[in-house]
C-alpha atoms as a PDB file:
ATOM      1  CA  UNK A   1      -8.118 -21.528  -5.357  1.00  0.00           C
ATOM      2  CA  UNK A   2      -7.976 -22.064  -1.836  1.00  0.00           C
ATOM      3  CA  UNK A   3      -4.269 -21.459  -0.113  1.00  0.00           C
ATOM      4  CA  UNK A   4      -4.902 -24.753   2.204  1.00  0.00           C
ATOM      5  CA  UNK A   5      -4.653 -27.125  -0.762  1.00  0.00           C
ATOM      6  CA  UNK A   6      -1.352 -25.300  -2.234  1.00  0.00           C
ATOM      7  CA  UNK A   7      -0.066 -25.620   1.549  1.00  0.00           C
ATOM      8  CA  UNK A   8      -1.047 -29.311   1.357  1.00  0.00           C
ATOM      9  CA  UNK A   9       1.446 -29.509  -1.447  1.00  0.00           C
ATOM     10  CA  UNK A  10       4.154 -27.937   0.546  1.00  0.00           C
ATOM     11  CA  UNK A  11       3.492 -30.097   3.232  1.00  0.00           C
ATOM     12  CA  UNK A  12       3.719 -33.484   1.339  1.00  0.00           C
ATOM     13  CA  UNK A  13       6.913 -32.143  -0.095  1.00  0.00           C
ATOM     14  CA  UNK A  14       8.503 -31.497   2.956  1.00  0.00           C
ATOM     15  CA  UNK A  15       7.031 -34.980   4.240  1.00  0.00           C
ATOM     16  CA  UNK A  16       8.790 -36.798   1.704  1.00  0.00           C
ATOM     17  CA  UNK A  17      12.074 -34.735   1.802  1.00  0.00           C
ATOM     18  CA  UNK A  18      12.154 -35.433   5.731  1.00  0.00           C
ATOM     19  CA  UNK A  19      10.771 -38.821   6.487  1.00  0.00           C
ATOM     20  CA  UNK A  20      10.758 -39.404  10.294  1.00  0.00           C
ATOM     21  CA  UNK A  21      10.303 -35.654  11.441  1.00  0.00           C
ATOM     22  CA  UNK A  22       7.237 -34.916  12.896  1.00  0.00           C
ATOM     23  CA  UNK A  23       5.553 -31.575  11.419  1.00  0.00           C
ATOM     24  CA  UNK A  24       3.163 -29.311  13.494  1.00  0.00           C
ATOM     25  CA  UNK A  25       1.681 -26.220  11.703  1.00  0.00           C
ATOM     26  CA  UNK A  26       0.949 -22.906  13.567  1.00  0.00           C
ATOM     27  CA  UNK A  27      -0.554 -19.237  12.215  1.00  0.00           C
ATOM     28  CA  UNK A  28       2.337 -16.704  11.747  1.00  0.00           C
ATOM     29  CA  UNK A  29       2.670 -12.941  11.252  1.00  0.00           C
ATOM     30  CA  UNK A  30       0.904 -11.054   8.461  1.00  0.00           C
ATOM     31  CA  UNK A  31      -1.000 -14.368   7.374  1.00  0.00           C
ATOM     32  CA  UNK A  32       2.266 -16.590   7.251  1.00  0.00           C
ATOM     33  CA  UNK A  33       1.988 -20.288   7.915  1.00  0.00           C
ATOM     34  CA  UNK A  34       4.530 -21.684  10.077  1.00  0.00           C
ATOM     35  CA  UNK A  35       5.577 -25.221   9.792  1.00  0.00           C
ATOM     36  CA  UNK A  36       7.930 -26.904  12.306  1.00  0.00           C
ATOM     37  CA  UNK A  37       9.920 -29.851  11.370  1.00  0.00           C
ATOM     38  CA  UNK A  38      11.505 -31.982  14.253  1.00  0.00           C
ATOM     39  CA  UNK A  39      13.419 -35.268  14.900  1.00  0.00           C
ATOM     40  CA  UNK A  40      14.977 -36.366  17.921  1.00  0.00           C
ATOM     41  CA  UNK A  41      18.319 -34.521  16.599  1.00  0.00           C
ATOM     42  CA  UNK A  42      17.186 -31.463  14.470  1.00  0.00           C
ATOM     43  CA  UNK A  43      14.608 -29.028  14.075  1.00  0.00           C
ATOM     44  CA  UNK A  44      13.536 -26.904  11.000  1.00  0.00           C
ATOM     45  CA  UNK A  45      10.981 -23.938  10.716  1.00  0.00           C
ATOM     46  CA  UNK A  46       9.509 -22.783   7.426  1.00  0.00           C
ATOM     47  CA  UNK A  47       7.157 -19.579   7.163  1.00  0.00           C
ATOM     48  CA  UNK A  48       4.948 -20.223   4.032  1.00  0.00           C
ATOM     49  CA  UNK A  49       4.303 -16.559   3.383  1.00  0.00           C
ATOM     50  CA  UNK A  50       0.664 -16.054   2.500  1.00  0.00           C
ATOM     51  CA  UNK A  51       1.241 -13.852  -0.317  1.00  0.00           C
ATOM     52  CA  UNK A  52       3.354 -16.949  -2.056  1.00  0.00           C
ATOM     53  CA  UNK A  53       0.199 -19.204  -1.639  1.00  0.00           C
ATOM     54  CA  UNK A  54      -2.317 -16.704  -2.874  1.00  0.00           C
ATOM     55  CA  UNK A  55       0.016 -15.873  -6.327  1.00  0.00           C
ATOM     56  CA  UNK A  56       1.040 -19.544  -7.384  1.00  0.00           C
ATOM     57  CA  UNK A  57      -1.128 -21.804  -9.073  1.00  0.00           C
ATOM     58  CA  UNK A  58      -1.533 -25.310  -7.609  1.00  0.00           C
ATOM     59  CA  UNK A  59       0.065 -26.776 -10.467  1.00  0.00           C
ATOM     60  CA  UNK A  60       3.135 -25.113  -9.796  1.00  0.00           C
ATOM     61  CA  UNK A  61       3.758 -25.510  -6.370  1.00  0.00           C
ATOM     62  CA  UNK A  62       5.927 -28.665  -6.478  1.00  0.00           C
ATOM     63  CA  UNK A  63       8.280 -26.950  -9.217  1.00  0.00           C
ATOM     64  CA  UNK A  64       8.558 -23.496  -7.663  1.00  0.00           C
ATOM     65  CA  UNK A  65       9.728 -25.043  -4.060  1.00  0.00           C
ATOM     66  CA  UNK A  66      11.823 -27.599  -6.046  1.00  0.00           C
ATOM     67  CA  UNK A  67      13.208 -24.619  -7.718  1.00  0.00           C
ATOM     68  CA  UNK A  68      13.895 -23.052  -4.525  1.00  0.00           C
ATOM     69  CA  UNK A  69      15.688 -25.601  -3.225  1.00  0.00           C
ATOM     70  CA  UNK A  70      13.585 -25.627  -0.031  1.00  0.00           C
ATOM     71  CA  UNK A  71      14.318 -28.870   1.270  1.00  0.00           C
ATOM     72  CA  UNK A  72      18.216 -28.494   0.442  1.00  0.00           C
ATOM     73  CA  UNK A  73      18.109 -25.075   1.945  1.00  0.00           C
ATOM     74  CA  UNK A  74      16.721 -26.146   5.457  1.00  0.00           C
ATOM     75  CA  UNK A  75      19.390 -29.061   5.384  1.00  0.00           C
ATOM     76  CA  UNK A  76      22.065 -26.177   4.781  1.00  0.00           C
ATOM     77  CA  UNK A  77      21.088 -23.888   7.400  1.00  0.00           C
ATOM     78  CA  UNK A  78      20.054 -26.288  10.027  1.00  0.00           C
ATOM     79  CA  UNK A  79      17.665 -24.689  12.561  1.00  0.00           C
ATOM     80  CA  UNK A  80      18.021 -21.326  11.191  1.00  0.00           C
ATOM     81  CA  UNK A  81      14.198 -20.492   9.954  1.00  0.00           C
ATOM     82  CA  UNK A  82      13.362 -19.958   6.413  1.00  0.00           C
ATOM     83  CA  UNK A  83      10.596 -18.161   4.668  1.00  0.00           C
ATOM     84  CA  UNK A  84       9.196 -19.353   1.233  1.00  0.00           C
ATOM     85  CA  UNK A  85       7.993 -16.135  -0.465  1.00  0.00           C
ATOM     86  CA  UNK A  86       7.620 -15.201  -4.232  1.00  0.00           C
ATOM     87  CA  UNK A  87      11.462 -14.123  -4.507  1.00  0.00           C
ATOM     88  CA  UNK A  88      12.572 -17.580  -3.187  1.00  0.00           C
ATOM     89  CA  UNK A  89      13.687 -18.792   0.081  1.00  0.00           C
ATOM     90  CA  UNK A  90      15.450 -16.466   2.120  1.00  0.00           C
ATOM     91  CA  UNK A  91      16.576 -16.116   5.812  1.00  0.00           C
ATOM     92  CA  UNK A  92      13.789 -15.445   8.838  1.00  0.00           C
END
């Protein structure tokens, strides 16, 4: 299945968790997707690894990033970039 559909799930999750933030998407290193969330007061950066998107089923995306506590991790670390990998959320 296309990684684009899986990435859409990640984006939808982040939009729900960070209302009022503007999100931009760029290509990152080694096929990762970089999502930058910005508000007037804060910026969060998420690298979604290609391997994460390729290895997970679309039905498991929401559960996995919730299990990883992606939104809470972003709030806790502030502007420090986070990588979403098969091993969880790690610091970039």
